[in-house]
Protein backbone atom coordinates (compact mmCIF):
# COMPACT_ATOMS: atom_id res chain seq x y z
CA MET A 1 11.87 -4.06 11.06
CA VAL A 2 8.78 -3.66 13.30
CA LEU A 3 8.64 -0.50 15.38
CA GLN A 4 6.30 -0.40 18.66
CA VAL A 5 4.73 3.05 19.06
CA GLN A 6 1.55 3.58 21.28
CA ASN A 7 0.55 0.19 21.11
CA SER A 8 0.49 -0.13 17.43
CA LYS A 9 2.92 -1.94 14.92
CA TYR A 10 4.54 0.15 12.29
CA SER A 11 6.68 -1.81 9.52
CA LEU A 12 9.25 0.49 8.44
CA VAL A 13 11.55 0.03 5.49
CA ARG A 14 13.95 2.74 4.11
CA ASN A 15 13.76 5.09 1.47
CA ARG A 16 9.67 4.83 1.46
CA THR A 17 6.99 7.19 2.92
CA PHE A 18 4.30 5.60 4.79
CA HIS A 19 0.96 6.98 6.66
CA LEU A 20 1.81 6.57 10.18
CA TYR A 21 -0.83 7.07 12.07
CA ILE A 22 -0.96 8.78 16.04
CA LEU A 23 2.62 9.52 15.53
CA LYS A 24 4.89 12.58 16.84
CA ASN A 25 8.27 13.71 15.67
CA PHE A 26 10.32 11.11 16.90
CA HIS A 27 13.97 10.24 16.64
CA PHE A 28 14.80 6.39 17.12
CA ARG A 29 17.59 4.11 17.05
CA THR A 30 18.00 0.10 17.34
CA THR A 31 21.15 -1.79 16.52
CA LYS A 32 20.69 -1.99 12.71
CA TYR A 33 18.93 1.35 11.76
CA THR A 34 18.92 5.03 13.08
CA LEU A 35 15.34 6.56 12.25
CA ASN A 36 14.77 9.66 11.47
CA ALA A 37 10.90 11.17 10.73
CA SER A 38 9.83 14.39 9.66
CA ILE A 39 6.07 14.86 9.81
CA THR A 40 3.68 16.88 7.74
CA ARG A 41 0.12 17.13 8.47
CA THR A 42 -2.54 17.07 5.33
CA GLU A 43 -4.99 19.58 6.12
CA THR A 44 -7.78 17.70 4.09
CA LEU A 45 -7.54 14.15 5.30
CA LYS A 46 -5.78 15.28 8.30
CA ASN A 47 -3.62 12.14 8.13
CA ILE A 48 -0.01 12.51 9.16
CA ARG A 49 2.26 11.78 6.37
CA VAL A 50 5.83 10.61 7.49
CA SER A 51 9.06 10.50 5.78
CA ILE A 52 11.17 8.05 6.79
CA VAL A 53 14.92 7.64 6.29
CA LEU A 54 16.45 4.55 7.81
CA ILE A 55 20.50 5.15 8.09
CA ARG A 56 21.74 1.10 8.31
CA ASN A 57 24.58 0.29 10.58
CA GLU A 58 25.91 -2.14 7.63
CA GLU A 59 27.74 -4.42 10.23
CA GLU A 60 24.28 -5.43 11.48
CA VAL A 61 22.53 -6.23 8.63
CA THR A 62 22.35 -9.74 8.32
CA VAL A 63 23.11 -11.56 5.05
CA ARG A 64 19.32 -12.70 4.92
CA GLU A 65 18.29 -8.94 4.78
CA LYS A 66 20.88 -8.07 2.26
CA ILE A 67 19.49 -10.79 0.02
CA ILE A 68 15.88 -9.52 0.44
CA GLU A 69 16.88 -6.10 -0.08
CA ALA A 70 19.27 -6.71 -3.31
CA THR A 71 16.34 -9.17 -5.07
CA SER A 72 13.72 -6.63 -4.41
CA GLU A 73 15.64 -3.84 -6.07
CA LEU A 74 16.66 -6.29 -9.08
CA PHE A 75 12.69 -7.72 -9.49
CA MET A 76 11.85 -4.07 -9.52
CA GLN A 77 14.13 -3.11 -11.98
CA PHE A 78 14.37 -6.13 -14.84
CA GLY A 79 11.23 -8.26 -13.70
CA ILE A 80 10.95 -11.39 -11.87
CA ARG A 81 11.77 -14.01 -14.63
CA THR A 82 14.78 -12.65 -15.86
CA VAL A 83 16.58 -12.14 -12.75
CA THR A 84 18.37 -15.65 -11.96
CA MET A 85 20.11 -16.79 -8.65
CA ASP A 86 23.73 -15.93 -10.29
CA ASP A 87 22.69 -12.34 -10.92
CA ILE A 88 21.64 -11.74 -7.47
CA ALA A 89 24.74 -13.72 -6.36
CA LYS A 90 26.64 -11.38 -8.66
CA HIS A 91 25.11 -8.59 -7.56
CA LEU A 92 25.84 -9.05 -3.91
CA SER A 93 29.31 -10.40 -4.31
CA ILE A 94 28.26 -13.54 -2.47
CA SER A 95 28.01 -17.15 -4.00
CA LYS A 96 24.86 -19.02 -4.78
CA LYS A 97 25.59 -21.52 -2.03
CA THR A 98 25.59 -18.55 0.43
CA ILE A 99 21.90 -17.47 -1.04
CA TYR A 100 20.70 -21.26 -0.80
CA GLN A 101 21.30 -21.13 2.77
CA PHE A 102 18.55 -18.92 3.54
CA PHE A 103 16.20 -19.90 0.53
CA LYS A 104 16.22 -23.32 -0.90
CA ASP A 105 15.12 -21.97 -4.19
CA LYS A 106 13.81 -18.72 -5.95
CA ARG A 107 10.36 -19.11 -5.79
CA GLU A 108 10.83 -19.14 -1.46
CA LEU A 109 12.64 -15.92 -2.21
CA VAL A 110 9.69 -14.53 -4.41
CA ASN A 111 7.07 -15.56 -1.77
CA THR A 112 9.31 -14.20 0.88
CA ILE A 113 9.72 -10.75 -0.81
CA THR A 114 5.70 -10.79 -1.56
CA ARG A 115 4.92 -11.53 1.77
CA LEU A 116 7.07 -8.43 3.65
CA HIS A 117 5.55 -6.23 0.94
CA LEU A 118 1.74 -7.38 1.60
CA ASP A 119 2.69 -7.01 5.53
CA ILE A 120 3.65 -3.23 4.79
CA GLU A 121 0.44 -2.79 2.85
CA GLU A 122 -1.79 -3.65 5.23
CA THR A 123 0.05 -2.00 8.30
CA ARG A 124 -1.26 0.96 5.75
CA PHE A 125 -4.58 -0.09 5.73
CA GLU A 126 -4.96 -0.87 9.43
CA GLY A 127 -4.11 2.75 10.53
CA VAL A 128 -7.12 3.94 8.96
CA ILE A 129 -9.87 3.89 11.33
CA GLU A 130 -7.75 5.36 13.97
CA GLU A 131 -6.96 8.59 12.16
CA SER A 132 -10.41 9.15 10.58
CA ASP A 133 -12.89 11.43 12.02
CA ASN A 134 -16.09 9.63 10.52
CA THR A 135 -16.67 7.38 7.50
CA VAL A 136 -16.84 9.81 4.82
CA HIS A 137 -13.12 10.44 5.73
CA GLU A 138 -12.32 7.08 6.35
CA LEU A 139 -13.57 5.83 2.78
CA LEU A 140 -11.19 8.92 1.23
CA ILE A 141 -8.44 7.62 3.13
CA VAL A 142 -8.82 3.97 2.36
CA SER A 143 -9.57 4.74 -1.17
CA GLN A 144 -6.05 6.71 -1.24
CA CYS A 145 -4.33 3.64 0.26
CA LEU A 146 -5.73 1.45 -2.58
CA ARG A 147 -4.71 3.72 -5.36
CA GLU A 148 -1.40 4.38 -4.22
CA SER A 149 -0.85 0.60 -3.46
CA MET A 150 -1.63 -0.14 -7.05
CA GLN A 151 0.49 2.50 -8.18
CA GLU A 152 3.39 1.53 -6.27
CA MET A 153 3.07 -2.13 -8.21
CA LYS A 154 4.46 -2.75 -11.46
CA ILE A 155 2.27 -4.75 -14.21
CA ASN A 156 4.71 -6.78 -15.40
CA ILE A 157 5.45 -7.72 -12.08
CA MET A 158 1.87 -8.67 -10.98
CA ASN A 159 1.44 -10.61 -14.72
CA GLU A 160 4.68 -12.97 -13.67
CA LEU A 161 2.95 -13.52 -10.20
CA GLN A 162 -0.03 -14.50 -11.62
CA LYS A 163 1.25 -16.43 -14.72
CA PHE A 164 4.20 -18.29 -13.01
CA TYR A 165 4.41 -17.77 -9.17
CA PRO A 166 0.80 -19.10 -7.62
CA GLU A 167 2.00 -19.27 -4.24
CA ALA A 168 3.04 -15.50 -4.27
CA TRP A 169 -0.12 -14.62 -6.28
CA LYS A 170 -2.20 -16.48 -3.70
CA LEU A 171 -0.88 -14.14 -0.85
CA TYR A 172 -1.62 -11.38 -2.90
CA MET A 173 -5.18 -12.28 -3.54
CA ASP A 174 -5.87 -12.89 0.10
CA PHE A 175 -4.55 -9.47 0.85
CA LYS A 176 -6.89 -8.32 -1.76
CA ASN A 177 -9.84 -9.71 -0.07
CA ASP A 178 -9.07 -9.91 3.54
CA VAL A 179 -7.68 -6.55 3.54
CA MET A 180 -8.53 -4.50 0.51
CA LYS A 181 -12.02 -5.39 0.30
CA GLU A 182 -12.72 -5.88 3.92
CA SER A 183 -11.43 -2.44 4.66
CA ILE A 184 -13.89 -1.00 2.11
CA ARG A 185 -16.59 -3.10 2.78
CA ASP A 186 -16.32 -2.21 6.67
CA VAL A 187 -16.19 1.36 6.13
CA ILE A 188 -19.62 1.08 3.81
CA VAL A 189 -21.24 -0.56 6.82
CA ARG A 190 -20.22 1.88 9.46
CA GLY A 191 -21.31 4.46 6.93
CA GLN A 192 -24.81 3.05 6.35
CA LYS A 193 -25.24 3.22 10.30
CA GLU A 194 -24.17 6.68 10.16
CA GLY A 195 -26.55 7.66 7.68
CA TYR A 196 -23.74 8.88 5.21
CA PHE A 197 -24.19 5.96 2.67
CA ARG A 198 -27.14 4.56 0.97
CA ALA A 199 -28.80 1.92 3.21
CA GLU A 200 -29.72 -0.09 0.07
CA ILE A 201 -26.41 -0.58 -1.17
CA ASP A 202 -24.91 -4.30 -0.51
CA PRO A 203 -21.79 -3.61 1.13
CA ASP A 204 -20.42 -7.07 0.06
CA LEU A 205 -20.97 -6.62 -3.53
CA ILE A 206 -19.99 -3.02 -3.81
CA SER A 207 -16.68 -3.65 -2.04
CA LEU A 208 -15.87 -6.48 -4.22
CA MET A 209 -17.13 -4.61 -7.11
CA ARG A 210 -14.61 -1.65 -6.38
CA ILE A 211 -11.22 -3.59 -5.83
CA GLU A 212 -12.14 -5.90 -9.14
CA GLN A 213 -12.74 -2.64 -10.89
CA VAL A 214 -9.38 -0.95 -9.84
CA GLN A 215 -7.36 -4.45 -10.27
CA SER A 216 -8.71 -4.81 -13.82
CA PHE A 217 -7.89 -1.27 -14.88
CA PHE A 218 -4.16 -1.52 -13.62
CA MET A 219 -3.78 -5.16 -15.07
CA ASN A 220 -5.42 -4.80 -18.39
CA ASN A 221 -5.18 -2.46 -21.21
CA LEU A 222 -8.83 -0.89 -20.61
CA TYR A 223 -7.54 2.60 -21.44
CA PRO A 224 -5.01 4.25 -23.76
CA ARG A 225 -1.93 4.70 -21.95
CA ASP A 226 -1.14 7.51 -24.17
CA LYS A 227 -3.84 9.38 -23.39
CA TYR A 228 -4.24 8.82 -19.45
CA SER A 229 -2.28 8.27 -16.46
CA LEU A 230 -3.14 5.34 -14.24
CA ALA A 231 -3.41 8.25 -11.60
CA ASP A 232 -6.20 10.10 -13.70
CA VAL A 233 -8.11 6.90 -14.54
CA GLN A 234 -8.13 5.95 -10.87
CA LEU A 235 -9.63 9.27 -9.58
CA GLN A 236 -12.34 9.09 -12.18
CA LEU A 237 -13.22 5.63 -10.93
CA PHE A 238 -13.14 6.98 -7.47
CA ASP A 239 -15.29 9.78 -8.29
CA HIS A 240 -18.07 7.44 -9.96
CA PHE A 241 -17.79 4.95 -6.91
CA ILE A 242 -18.04 7.22 -4.28
CA HIS A 243 -20.82 9.50 -5.42
CA GLY A 244 -23.02 6.50 -5.88
CA LEU A 245 -22.57 5.49 -2.07
CA PHE A 246 -23.59 9.04 -0.76
CA THR A 247 -26.90 9.94 0.84
CA ILE A 248 -27.71 13.95 0.84
CA GLU A 249 -25.65 13.75 4.36
CA GLY A 250 -22.93 12.03 2.71
CA HIS A 251 -22.59 14.58 -0.15
CA LYS A 252 -22.85 17.52 2.13
CA LEU A 253 -19.81 15.99 4.04
CA PHE A 254 -17.91 14.68 1.33
CA ASN A 255 -18.21 18.41 -0.13
CA GLN A 256 -16.62 19.91 3.17
CA TYR A 257 -13.69 17.82 2.24
CA THR A 258 -13.59 18.68 -1.26
CA THR A 259 -13.65 22.78 -0.30
CA ASN A 260 -10.97 22.14 2.42
CA LYS A 261 -8.78 20.60 -0.22
CA GLN A 262 -9.05 23.12 -2.63
CA GLN A 263 -8.54 26.00 -0.43
CA HIS A 264 -5.24 24.24 0.83
CA GLU A 265 -4.12 23.81 -2.84
CA THR A 266 -4.62 27.53 -3.56
CA GLN A 267 -2.79 28.49 -0.02
CA ASN A 268 0.28 26.30 -1.14
């Protein structure tokens, strides 16, 4: 479902938390969903975090939507390859013939689910510029989006897409290059113009390095998982990355956000 708010489109999925920008408390109802959103503001990044609960009117939910939702849950729980069309049909108490009315095969179903997930992630990245105060602030939010996107993915599912579902993997690679990498590149270019990032840095090369660095540590066993969590690793990588970008002015501004964050955490 897509909700049009203040000339910006926000894709919504139940039971997940998203960064929606320039949005006030609201109650919204469609023929398929009742939407309630509660908003809290994070003082350090000033992004509005919205907890979304969609209460579905079951009679209005299409069979196709039910198939997509149920299959997504099964994939997340058991992996893609182990889940068969028979499993999906049994889980939904429908026949395989019904599934094939909407999807010609499992591959098309995988591609559809992947595309929908990436559309949601793209929406999250698109809101960054509207919310940020400056390019240092913007880079903090972009990096947070990047970390959250990686943390929400499962390594086994990503490996399965890469090995067995080339069309779905291409969708991810396009998203990585056209959305993730370009988001970082664009903020570096603007930050150089604002004087916060070093002028001698190559935005194309550094943004590529950053994306590949995050993905490599996520998908490959490059750190002892019994000693470090993925979140800890990503924060260390981010700290190393971001301090290599800053000019003196950039460092000063970044330290202001860091100080505000520490004060906010102390108060809570």
